[in-house]
PDB file of N, CA and C in Angstrom:
ATOM      1  N   MET A   1       3.262   6.598 -10.703  1.00  0.00           N
ATOM      2  CA  MET A   1       4.896   6.746 -10.438  1.00  0.00           C
ATOM      3  C   MET A   1       4.808   4.885 -10.468  1.00  0.00           C
ATOM      4  N   THR A   2       5.808   4.546 -11.180  1.00  0.00           N
ATOM      5  CA  THR A   2       5.382   3.378 -10.939  1.00  0.00           C
ATOM      6  C   THR A   2       7.397   2.890  -9.969  1.00  0.00           C
ATOM      7  N   LYS A   3       7.588   1.595  -9.760  1.00  0.00           N
ATOM      8  CA  LYS A   3       8.570   1.138  -8.591  1.00  0.00           C
ATOM      9  C   LYS A   3       9.443   1.680  -9.173  1.00  0.00           C
ATOM     10  N   GLN A   4       9.853   1.693 -10.627  1.00  0.00           N
ATOM     11  CA  GLN A   4      11.346   1.850 -11.667  1.00  0.00           C
ATOM     12  C   GLN A   4      11.238   3.158 -11.363  1.00  0.00           C
ATOM     13  N   ASP A   5       9.610   4.479 -11.817  1.00  0.00           N
ATOM     14  CA  ASP A   5      10.429   5.448 -11.881  1.00  0.00           C
ATOM     15  C   ASP A   5      10.905   6.236 -10.340  1.00  0.00           C
ATOM     16  N   LEU A   6      10.129   5.435  -8.940  1.00  0.00           N
ATOM     17  CA  LEU A   6      10.696   5.997  -7.913  1.00  0.00           C
ATOM     18  C   LEU A   6      12.385   5.389  -7.560  1.00  0.00           C
ATOM     19  N   VAL A   7      12.676   4.195  -8.318  1.00  0.00           N
ATOM     20  CA  VAL A   7      13.958   3.766  -8.432  1.00  0.00           C
ATOM     21  C   VAL A   7      15.153   5.391  -9.369  1.00  0.00           C
ATOM     22  N   ASP A   8      14.212   5.218 -10.744  1.00  0.00           N
ATOM     23  CA  ASP A   8      15.206   6.536 -11.401  1.00  0.00           C
ATOM     24  C   ASP A   8      14.842   7.502 -10.166  1.00  0.00           C
ATOM     25  N   ARG A   9      14.524   7.900 -10.206  1.00  0.00           N
ATOM     26  CA  ARG A   9      14.522   9.377  -9.901  1.00  0.00           C
ATOM     27  C   ARG A   9      14.597   8.664  -8.034  1.00  0.00           C
ATOM     28  N   LEU A  10      15.160   8.461  -7.846  1.00  0.00           N
ATOM     29  CA  LEU A  10      15.884   8.176  -5.835  1.00  0.00           C
ATOM     30  C   LEU A  10      17.465   8.197  -6.477  1.00  0.00           C
ATOM     31  N   SER A  11      18.137   7.725  -7.638  1.00  0.00           N
ATOM     32  CA  SER A  11      18.741   7.430  -8.085  1.00  0.00           C
ATOM     33  C   SER A  11      19.307   8.112  -8.228  1.00  0.00           C
ATOM     34  N   ASN A  12      18.799   9.713  -8.437  1.00  0.00           N
ATOM     35  CA  ASN A  12      19.172  10.564  -9.570  1.00  0.00           C
ATOM     36  C   ASN A  12      19.493  11.780  -8.880  1.00  0.00           C
ATOM     37  N   GLU A  13      18.453  11.359  -7.111  1.00  0.00           N
ATOM     38  CA  GLU A  13      19.308  12.586  -6.252  1.00  0.00           C
ATOM     39  C   GLU A  13      19.546  12.328  -5.332  1.00  0.00           C
ATOM     40  N   ILE A  14      19.864  10.757  -5.272  1.00  0.00           N
ATOM     41  CA  ILE A  14      20.354  10.118  -3.869  1.00  0.00           C
ATOM     42  C   ILE A  14      22.501  10.638  -4.500  1.00  0.00           C
ATOM     43  N   GLY A  15      22.578  10.076  -5.695  1.00  0.00           N
ATOM     44  CA  GLY A  15      23.493   9.915  -6.190  1.00  0.00           C
ATOM     45  C   GLY A  15      24.074   8.459  -6.417  1.00  0.00           C
ATOM     46  N   MET A  16      23.314   7.492  -6.295  1.00  0.00           N
ATOM     47  CA  MET A  16      23.670   5.914  -5.877  1.00  0.00           C
ATOM     48  C   MET A  16      23.216   5.487  -7.555  1.00  0.00           C
ATOM     49  N   PRO A  17      24.141   4.568  -7.869  1.00  0.00           N
ATOM     50  CA  PRO A  17      23.967   3.432  -9.233  1.00  0.00           C
ATOM     51  C   PRO A  17      22.025   2.656  -8.662  1.00  0.00           C
ATOM     52  N   LYS A  18      21.528   2.338  -9.811  1.00  0.00           N
ATOM     53  CA  LYS A  18      20.155   2.766 -10.326  1.00  0.00           C
ATOM     54  C   LYS A  18      20.382   1.283  -9.516  1.00  0.00           C
ATOM     55  N   LEU A  19      21.031   0.566  -9.604  1.00  0.00           N
ATOM     56  CA  LEU A  19      21.016  -1.137  -9.874  1.00  0.00           C
ATOM     57  C   LEU A  19      21.416  -1.551  -7.967  1.00  0.00           C
ATOM     58  N   GLU A  20      22.051  -0.074  -7.373  1.00  0.00           N
ATOM     59  CA  GLU A  20      21.333  -0.532  -5.925  1.00  0.00           C
ATOM     60  C   GLU A  20      20.761   0.273  -5.504  1.00  0.00           C
ATOM     61  N   VAL A  21      19.641   0.870  -5.590  1.00  0.00           N
ATOM     62  CA  VAL A  21      18.901   1.466  -5.782  1.00  0.00           C
ATOM     63  C   VAL A  21      17.645   0.671  -5.350  1.00  0.00           C
ATOM     64  N   GLN A  22      17.444  -0.092  -7.146  1.00  0.00           N
ATOM     65  CA  GLN A  22      16.350  -0.931  -6.996  1.00  0.00           C
ATOM     66  C   GLN A  22      16.706  -2.154  -6.085  1.00  0.00           C
ATOM     67  N   THR A  23      17.808  -3.080  -5.613  1.00  0.00           N
ATOM     68  CA  THR A  23      18.322  -3.581  -4.865  1.00  0.00           C
ATOM     69  C   THR A  23      17.348  -3.067  -2.644  1.00  0.00           C
ATOM     70  N   VAL A  24      17.933  -2.108  -2.571  1.00  0.00           N
ATOM     71  CA  VAL A  24      17.009  -1.519  -1.322  1.00  0.00           C
ATOM     72  C   VAL A  24      16.425  -1.055  -1.536  1.00  0.00           C
ATOM     73  N   VAL A  25      14.816  -1.255  -3.002  1.00  0.00           N
ATOM     74  CA  VAL A  25      13.803  -0.114  -2.903  1.00  0.00           C
ATOM     75  C   VAL A  25      12.777  -1.991  -2.862  1.00  0.00           C
ATOM     76  N   ASP A  26      13.580  -2.794  -3.512  1.00  0.00           N
ATOM     77  CA  ASP A  26      12.773  -4.493  -3.050  1.00  0.00           C
ATOM     78  C   ASP A  26      13.161  -5.230  -1.931  1.00  0.00           C
ATOM     79  N   GLY A  27      14.317  -4.831  -1.675  1.00  0.00           N
ATOM     80  CA  GLY A  27      15.300  -5.154  -0.127  1.00  0.00           C
ATOM     81  C   GLY A  27      13.260  -4.269   0.668  1.00  0.00           C
ATOM     82  N   LEU A  28      13.311  -3.361   0.650  1.00  0.00           N
ATOM     83  CA  LEU A  28      12.175  -2.639   2.048  1.00  0.00           C
ATOM     84  C   LEU A  28      11.020  -3.407   1.338  1.00  0.00           C
ATOM     85  N   LEU A  29      10.236  -3.058  -0.245  1.00  0.00           N
ATOM     86  CA  LEU A  29       9.069  -3.709  -0.008  1.00  0.00           C
ATOM     87  C   LEU A  29       9.127  -5.347   0.738  1.00  0.00           C
ATOM     88  N   SER A  30       9.975  -6.169   0.184  1.00  0.00           N
ATOM     89  CA  SER A  30       9.783  -7.007   0.936  1.00  0.00           C
ATOM     90  C   SER A  30       9.901  -7.669   2.049  1.00  0.00           C
ATOM     91  N   LEU A  31      10.725  -6.673   3.164  1.00  0.00           N
ATOM     92  CA  LEU A  31      10.426  -6.721   4.088  1.00  0.00           C
ATOM     93  C   LEU A  31       8.847  -6.233   5.037  1.00  0.00           C
ATOM     94  N   VAL A  32       9.047  -5.221   4.197  1.00  0.00           N
ATOM     95  CA  VAL A  32       6.924  -4.887   5.210  1.00  0.00           C
ATOM     96  C   VAL A  32       6.208  -5.792   4.516  1.00  0.00           C
ATOM     97  N   MET A  33       5.895  -6.142   3.327  1.00  0.00           N
ATOM     98  CA  MET A  33       5.080  -7.748   2.641  1.00  0.00           C
ATOM     99  C   MET A  33       5.918  -8.663   3.675  1.00  0.00           C
ATOM    100  N   ASP A  34       6.559  -9.420   3.979  1.00  0.00           N
ATOM    101  CA  ASP A  34       7.293  -9.738   5.327  1.00  0.00           C
ATOM    102  C   ASP A  34       6.168  -9.682   6.952  1.00  0.00           C
ATOM    103  N   SER A  35       6.119  -8.625   7.253  1.00  0.00           N
ATOM    104  CA  SER A  35       6.364  -8.457   7.823  1.00  0.00           C
ATOM    105  C   SER A  35       4.732  -7.917   8.498  1.00  0.00           C
ATOM    106  N   VAL A  36       4.004  -7.785   7.671  1.00  0.00           N
ATOM    107  CA  VAL A  36       2.824  -8.021   7.577  1.00  0.00           C
ATOM    108  C   VAL A  36       2.222  -9.165   7.597  1.00  0.00           C
ATOM    109  N   ALA A  37       2.596 -10.115   6.276  1.00  0.00           N
ATOM    110  CA  ALA A  37       2.147 -11.256   5.722  1.00  0.00           C
ATOM    111  C   ALA A  37       2.455 -12.529   7.465  1.00  0.00           C
ATOM    112  N   SER A  38       3.326 -11.423   8.616  1.00  0.00           N
ATOM    113  CA  SER A  38       4.113 -12.938   9.607  1.00  0.00           C
ATOM    114  C   SER A  38       2.466 -12.494  10.669  1.00  0.00           C
ATOM    115  N   GLY A  39       2.008 -10.939  10.235  1.00  0.00           N
ATOM    116  CA  GLY A  39       0.939 -11.194  11.651  1.00  0.00           C
ATOM    117  C   GLY A  39       1.060  -9.782  11.904  1.00  0.00           C
ATOM    118  N   GLN A  40       2.115  -8.991  11.653  1.00  0.00           N
ATOM    119  CA  GLN A  40       3.559  -7.735  12.479  1.00  0.00           C
ATOM    120  C   GLN A  40       2.865  -6.975  11.764  1.00  0.00           C
ATOM    121  N   ARG A  41       2.671  -5.164  12.370  1.00  0.00           N
ATOM    122  CA  ARG A  41       2.568  -4.206  11.899  1.00  0.00           C
ATOM    123  C   ARG A  41       3.292  -3.611  11.542  1.00  0.00           C
ATOM    124  N   VAL A  42       3.479  -2.398  10.499  1.00  0.00           N
ATOM    125  CA  VAL A  42       4.814  -2.201  10.319  1.00  0.00           C
ATOM    126  C   VAL A  42       4.327  -0.782   9.932  1.00  0.00           C
ATOM    127  N   GLU A  43       5.509  -0.152  10.468  1.00  0.00           N
ATOM    128  CA  GLU A  43       4.398   1.693  10.564  1.00  0.00           C
ATOM    129  C   GLU A  43       6.296   3.020  10.130  1.00  0.00           C
ATOM    130  N   LEU A  44       5.917   3.144   9.708  1.00  0.00           N
ATOM    131  CA  LEU A  44       7.406   4.162   8.702  1.00  0.00           C
ATOM    132  C   LEU A  44       7.303   5.774   8.955  1.00  0.00           C
ATOM    133  N   ARG A  45       7.627   6.071  10.477  1.00  0.00           N
ATOM    134  CA  ARG A  45       7.082   7.672  10.781  1.00  0.00           C
ATOM    135  C   ARG A  45       7.061   8.207   9.911  1.00  0.00           C
ATOM    136  N   ARG A  46       5.946   9.909   9.614  1.00  0.00           N
ATOM    137  CA  ARG A  46       5.682  10.189   8.978  1.00  0.00           C
ATOM    138  C   ARG A  46       5.092  10.455   7.888  1.00  0.00           C
ATOM    139  N   PHE A  47       4.809   8.365   7.252  1.00  0.00           N
ATOM    140  CA  PHE A  47       4.139   9.114   5.880  1.00  0.00           C
ATOM    141  C   PHE A  47       3.295   7.371   6.457  1.00  0.00           C
ATOM    142  N   GLY A  48       3.242   5.629   7.180  1.00  0.00           N
ATOM    143  CA  GLY A  48       2.106   5.542   7.326  1.00  0.00           C
ATOM    144  C   GLY A  48       2.034   3.946   7.811  1.00  0.00           C
ATOM    145  N   VAL A  49       1.590   3.625   8.102  1.00  0.00           N
ATOM    146  CA  VAL A  49       1.070   2.209   9.224  1.00  0.00           C
ATOM    147  C   VAL A  49       0.148   0.719   7.741  1.00  0.00           C
ATOM    148  N   TRP A  50       1.051  -0.268   7.879  1.00  0.00           N
ATOM    149  CA  TRP A  50       0.076  -1.218   6.963  1.00  0.00           C
ATOM    150  C   TRP A  50      -0.375  -1.909   8.188  1.00  0.00           C
ATOM    151  N   LYS A  51      -1.345  -2.599   8.093  1.00  0.00           N
ATOM    152  CA  LYS A  51      -1.421  -3.826   9.183  1.00  0.00           C
ATOM    153  C   LYS A  51      -2.516  -4.606   8.792  1.00  0.00           C
ATOM    154  N   PRO A  52      -2.075  -6.470   9.461  1.00  0.00           N
ATOM    155  CA  PRO A  52      -2.477  -7.320   8.595  1.00  0.00           C
ATOM    156  C   PRO A  52      -4.327  -6.870   9.647  1.00  0.00           C
ATOM    157  N   VAL A  53      -4.872  -7.973   8.931  1.00  0.00           N
ATOM    158  CA  VAL A  53      -6.803  -7.224   9.110  1.00  0.00           C
ATOM    159  C   VAL A  53      -7.579  -8.136   9.060  1.00  0.00           C
ATOM    160  N   ASN A  54      -8.458  -8.429   9.410  1.00  0.00           N
ATOM    161  CA  ASN A  54      -9.187 -10.028   9.939  1.00  0.00           C
ATOM    162  C   ASN A  54     -10.724  -9.127   8.893  1.00  0.00           C
ATOM    163  N   ARG A  55     -10.932  -9.485   7.909  1.00  0.00           N
ATOM    164  CA  ARG A  55     -12.132  -9.156   6.763  1.00  0.00           C
ATOM    165  C   ARG A  55     -12.844  -9.972   6.966  1.00  0.00           C
ATOM    166  N   LYS A  56     -14.415  -9.319   7.980  1.00  0.00           N
ATOM    167  CA  LYS A  56     -15.328 -10.182   8.465  1.00  0.00           C
ATOM    168  C   LYS A  56     -16.148 -10.840   7.203  1.00  0.00           C
ATOM    169  N   GLY A  57     -17.095 -12.564   7.414  1.00  0.00           N
ATOM    170  CA  GLY A  57     -17.504 -13.391   6.276  1.00  0.00           C
ATOM    171  C   GLY A  57     -18.310 -12.044   6.677  1.00  0.00           C
ATOM    172  N   ARG A  58     -19.666 -12.660   5.019  1.00  0.00           N
ATOM    173  CA  ARG A  58     -20.763 -12.076   4.915  1.00  0.00           C
ATOM    174  C   ARG A  58     -21.824 -12.466   4.034  1.00  0.00           C
ATOM    175  N   ARG A  59     -22.481 -12.262   3.584  1.00  0.00           N
ATOM    176  CA  ARG A  59     -23.434 -13.307   2.536  1.00  0.00           C
ATOM    177  C   ARG A  59     -23.759 -12.109   1.823  1.00  0.00           C
ATOM    178  N   VAL A  60     -23.753 -11.948   0.911  1.00  0.00           N
ATOM    179  CA  VAL A  60     -23.705 -11.739  -0.482  1.00  0.00           C
ATOM    180  C   VAL A  60     -24.749 -12.085  -2.131  1.00  0.00           C
ATOM    181  N   ARG A  61     -25.490 -11.504  -2.129  1.00  0.00           N
ATOM    182  CA  ARG A  61     -25.885 -12.345  -3.832  1.00  0.00           C
ATOM    183  C   ARG A  61     -26.093 -12.169  -4.588  1.00  0.00           C
ATOM    184  N   THR A  62     -25.957 -12.810  -5.057  1.00  0.00           N
ATOM    185  CA  THR A  62     -25.758 -12.612  -6.717  1.00  0.00           C
ATOM    186  C   THR A  62     -26.162 -11.682  -7.844  1.00  0.00           C
ATOM    187  N   PRO A  63     -25.351 -11.561  -8.627  1.00  0.00           N
ATOM    188  CA  PRO A  63     -26.708 -10.859  -9.474  1.00  0.00           C
ATOM    189  C   PRO A  63     -28.029 -11.561 -10.096  1.00  0.00           C
ATOM    190  N   GLY A  64     -28.555 -10.430  -9.946  1.00  0.00           N
ATOM    191  CA  GLY A  64     -30.419 -11.034  -9.950  1.00  0.00           C
ATOM    192  C   GLY A  64     -31.331 -10.597  -8.784  1.00  0.00           C
ATOM    193  N   GLY A  65     -30.371 -11.162  -8.282  1.00  0.00           N
ATOM    194  CA  GLY A  65     -30.606 -11.886  -6.686  1.00  0.00           C
ATOM    195  C   GLY A  65     -31.102 -12.997  -6.416  1.00  0.00           C
ATOM    196  N   ILE A  66     -30.851 -13.837  -7.290  1.00  0.00           N
ATOM    197  CA  ILE A  66     -31.413 -15.268  -7.408  1.00  0.00           C
ATOM    198  C   ILE A  66     -30.510 -16.067  -5.961  1.00  0.00           C
ATOM    199  N   HIS A  67     -29.608 -16.345  -5.291  1.00  0.00           N
ATOM    200  CA  HIS A  67     -28.906 -17.049  -4.374  1.00  0.00           C
ATOM    201  C   HIS A  67     -27.883 -16.088  -3.579  1.00  0.00           C
ATOM    202  N   ASP A  68     -28.318 -16.819  -2.748  1.00  0.00           N
ATOM    203  CA  ASP A  68     -27.028 -15.750  -1.491  1.00  0.00           C
ATOM    204  C   ASP A  68     -25.684 -16.687  -1.294  1.00  0.00           C
ATOM    205  N   ILE A  69     -24.501 -16.433  -1.133  1.00  0.00           N
ATOM    206  CA  ILE A  69     -23.236 -16.962  -1.544  1.00  0.00           C
ATOM    207  C   ILE A  69     -23.367 -16.590   0.015  1.00  0.00           C
ATOM    208  N   GLU A  70     -22.731 -17.233   0.616  1.00  0.00           N
ATOM    209  CA  GLU A  70     -22.025 -17.019   2.066  1.00  0.00           C
ATOM    210  C   GLU A  70     -19.699 -16.658   1.376  1.00  0.00           C
ATOM    211  N   VAL A  71     -19.556 -15.300   1.945  1.00  0.00           N
ATOM    212  CA  VAL A  71     -18.110 -14.942   2.192  1.00  0.00           C
ATOM    213  C   VAL A  71     -17.578 -15.554   2.960  1.00  0.00           C
ATOM    214  N   PRO A  72     -16.345 -16.239   3.131  1.00  0.00           N
ATOM    215  CA  PRO A  72     -15.804 -16.519   4.275  1.00  0.00           C
ATOM    216  C   PRO A  72     -14.807 -15.024   4.825  1.00  0.00           C
ATOM    217  N   ASP A  73     -14.772 -15.677   6.477  1.00  0.00           N
ATOM    218  CA  ASP A  73     -13.336 -14.209   6.719  1.00  0.00           C
ATOM    219  C   ASP A  73     -12.041 -14.474   5.975  1.00  0.00           C
ATOM    220  N   ARG A  74     -11.630 -13.477   6.119  1.00  0.00           N
ATOM    221  CA  ARG A  74     -10.553 -13.975   4.970  1.00  0.00           C
ATOM    222  C   ARG A  74      -9.082 -12.698   5.366  1.00  0.00           C
ATOM    223  N   PRO A  75      -8.218 -13.089   5.984  1.00  0.00           N
ATOM    224  CA  PRO A  75      -7.258 -11.858   5.838  1.00  0.00           C
ATOM    225  C   PRO A  75      -6.770 -11.124   4.884  1.00  0.00           C
ATOM    226  N   SER A  76      -6.931  -9.773   5.726  1.00  0.00           N
ATOM    227  CA  SER A  76      -6.228  -9.120   4.540  1.00  0.00           C
ATOM    228  C   SER A  76      -4.968  -7.836   5.226  1.00  0.00           C
ATOM    229  N   VAL A  77      -4.956  -6.487   4.376  1.00  0.00           N
ATOM    230  CA  VAL A  77      -4.340  -5.576   4.861  1.00  0.00           C
ATOM    231  C   VAL A  77      -4.541  -4.220   4.423  1.00  0.00           C
ATOM    232  N   VAL A  78      -4.335  -3.524   5.302  1.00  0.00           N
ATOM    233  CA  VAL A  78      -4.877  -1.844   5.217  1.00  0.00           C
ATOM    234  C   VAL A  78      -3.376  -1.470   5.727  1.00  0.00           C
ATOM    235  N   PHE A  79      -3.226  -0.047   4.575  1.00  0.00           N
ATOM    236  CA  PHE A  79      -2.629   1.639   5.358  1.00  0.00           C
ATOM    237  C   PHE A  79      -3.497   1.911   5.570  1.00  0.00           C
ATOM    238  N   VAL A  80      -3.069   2.299   6.730  1.00  0.00           N
ATOM    239  CA  VAL A  80      -3.401   3.956   7.636  1.00  0.00           C
ATOM    240  C   VAL A  80      -2.370   5.462   6.812  1.00  0.00           C
ATOM    241  N   PRO A  81      -2.200   5.716   6.220  1.00  0.00           N
ATOM    242  CA  PRO A  81      -1.686   7.256   5.933  1.00  0.00           C
ATOM    243  C   PRO A  81      -1.953   7.548   7.275  1.00  0.00           C
ATOM    244  N   SER A  82      -0.144   8.338   7.028  1.00  0.00           N
ATOM    245  CA  SER A  82      -0.056   9.514   8.800  1.00  0.00           C
ATOM    246  C   SER A  82      -0.439  10.430   8.385  1.00  0.00           C
ATOM    247  N   THR A  83      -0.651  11.669   9.361  1.00  0.00           N
ATOM    248  CA  THR A  83      -1.221  12.879   9.268  1.00  0.00           C
ATOM    249  C   THR A  83      -1.006  13.785   8.322  1.00  0.00           C
ATOM    250  N   GLU A  84       0.287  13.444   8.638  1.00  0.00           N
ATOM    251  CA  GLU A  84       0.957  14.386   7.468  1.00  0.00           C
ATOM    252  C   GLU A  84       1.279  13.813   6.200  1.00  0.00           C
ATOM    253  N   PHE A  85       0.841  13.209   5.830  1.00  0.00           N
ATOM    254  CA  PHE A  85       0.417  12.569   4.367  1.00  0.00           C
ATOM    255  C   PHE A  85      -0.894  12.544   4.207  1.00  0.00           C
ATOM    256  N   ARG A  86      -1.752  11.902   5.647  1.00  0.00           N
ATOM    257  CA  ARG A  86      -3.127  13.248   4.656  1.00  0.00           C
ATOM    258  C   ARG A  86      -3.503  14.680   3.959  1.00  0.00           C
ATOM    259  N   ALA A  87      -2.330  15.463   5.597  1.00  0.00           N
ATOM    260  CA  ALA A  87      -2.289  16.577   4.662  1.00  0.00           C
ATOM    261  C   ALA A  87      -2.116  17.259   3.369  1.00  0.00           C
ATOM    262  N   ARG A  88      -1.263  16.934   2.896  1.00  0.00           N
ATOM    263  CA  ARG A  88      -0.748  16.283   1.949  1.00  0.00           C
ATOM    264  C   ARG A  88      -1.131  16.268   0.891  1.00  0.00           C
ATOM    265  N   VAL A  89      -1.625  14.996   1.116  1.00  0.00           N
ATOM    266  CA  VAL A  89      -2.775  14.178  -0.029  1.00  0.00           C
ATOM    267  C   VAL A  89      -4.159  15.369  -0.503  1.00  0.00           C
ATOM    268  N   SER A  90      -4.477  16.183   1.504  1.00  0.00           N
ATOM    269  CA  SER A  90      -5.570  16.956   1.028  1.00  0.00           C
ATOM    270  C   SER A  90      -5.638  17.554   0.389  1.00  0.00           C
ATOM    271  N   ASP A  91      -3.947  19.020  -0.162  1.00  0.00           N
ATOM    272  CA  ASP A  91      -3.927  20.182  -0.829  1.00  0.00           C
ATOM    273  C   ASP A  91      -4.498  19.895  -2.078  1.00  0.00           C
ATOM    274  N   LEU A  92      -4.462  18.249  -2.431  1.00  0.00           N
ATOM    275  CA  LEU A  92      -4.108  18.087  -3.874  1.00  0.00           C
ATOM    276  C   LEU A  92      -5.716  18.250  -4.560  1.00  0.00           C
ATOM    277  N   LYS A  93      -5.691  19.273  -5.600  1.00  0.00           N
ATOM    278  CA  LYS A  93      -6.516  19.615  -6.489  1.00  0.00           C
ATOM    279  C   LYS A  93      -6.476  18.588  -7.478  1.00  0.00           C
ATOM    280  N   PHE A  94      -7.789  17.876  -7.663  1.00  0.00           N
ATOM    281  CA  PHE A  94      -8.025  16.425  -8.657  1.00  0.00           C
ATOM    282  C   PHE A  94      -7.986  17.195  -9.549  1.00  0.00           C
ATOM    283  N   GLU A  95      -8.612  17.927 -10.415  1.00  0.00           N
ATOM    284  CA  GLU A  95      -8.137  18.260 -11.008  1.00  0.00           C
ATOM    285  C   GLU A  95      -6.931  18.317 -12.115  1.00  0.00           C
ATOM    286  N   GLU A  96      -6.182  18.817 -11.331  1.00  0.00           N
ATOM    287  CA  GLU A  96      -4.428  18.885 -11.249  1.00  0.00           C
ATOM    288  C   GLU A  96      -3.699  17.891 -11.888  1.00  0.00           C
ATOM    289  N   SER A  97      -4.381  16.720 -11.163  1.00  0.00           N
ATOM    290  CA  SER A  97      -3.882  15.408 -11.323  1.00  0.00           C
ATOM    291  C   SER A  97      -4.019  14.475 -12.279  1.00  0.00           C
ATOM    292  N   LEU A  98      -4.743  14.957 -13.139  1.00  0.00           N
ATOM    293  CA  LEU A  98      -4.990  14.587 -14.160  1.00  0.00           C
ATOM    294  C   LEU A  98      -4.798  14.427 -15.483  1.00  0.00           C
ATOM    295  N   SER A  99      -3.737  15.761 -15.410  1.00  0.00           N
ATOM    296  CA  SER A  99      -3.202  16.135 -16.507  1.00  0.00           C
ATOM    297  C   SER A  99      -1.636  16.243 -16.625  1.00  0.00           C
TER     298      SER A  99
END
């Protein structure tokens, strides 16, 4: 499902014009990104949590194992689904999702 699919479906389900739904969806996503980028945790009850994390640096080898490269610490974001979200996904049959 793309963002446009989400907008179309929401528009049909709640009866709002697509342009208004698009504005709301874009605004929500922008707020989530801005909040996480500023170091805040964003929690949507019954959906999940986005939180900023620091990925530790590490030493990696190049293909062929010739050189070692130091990868520095870097900021990243993690999404942790809620218990309800995980329960719904656990009911998914993988073979069915391919069709």
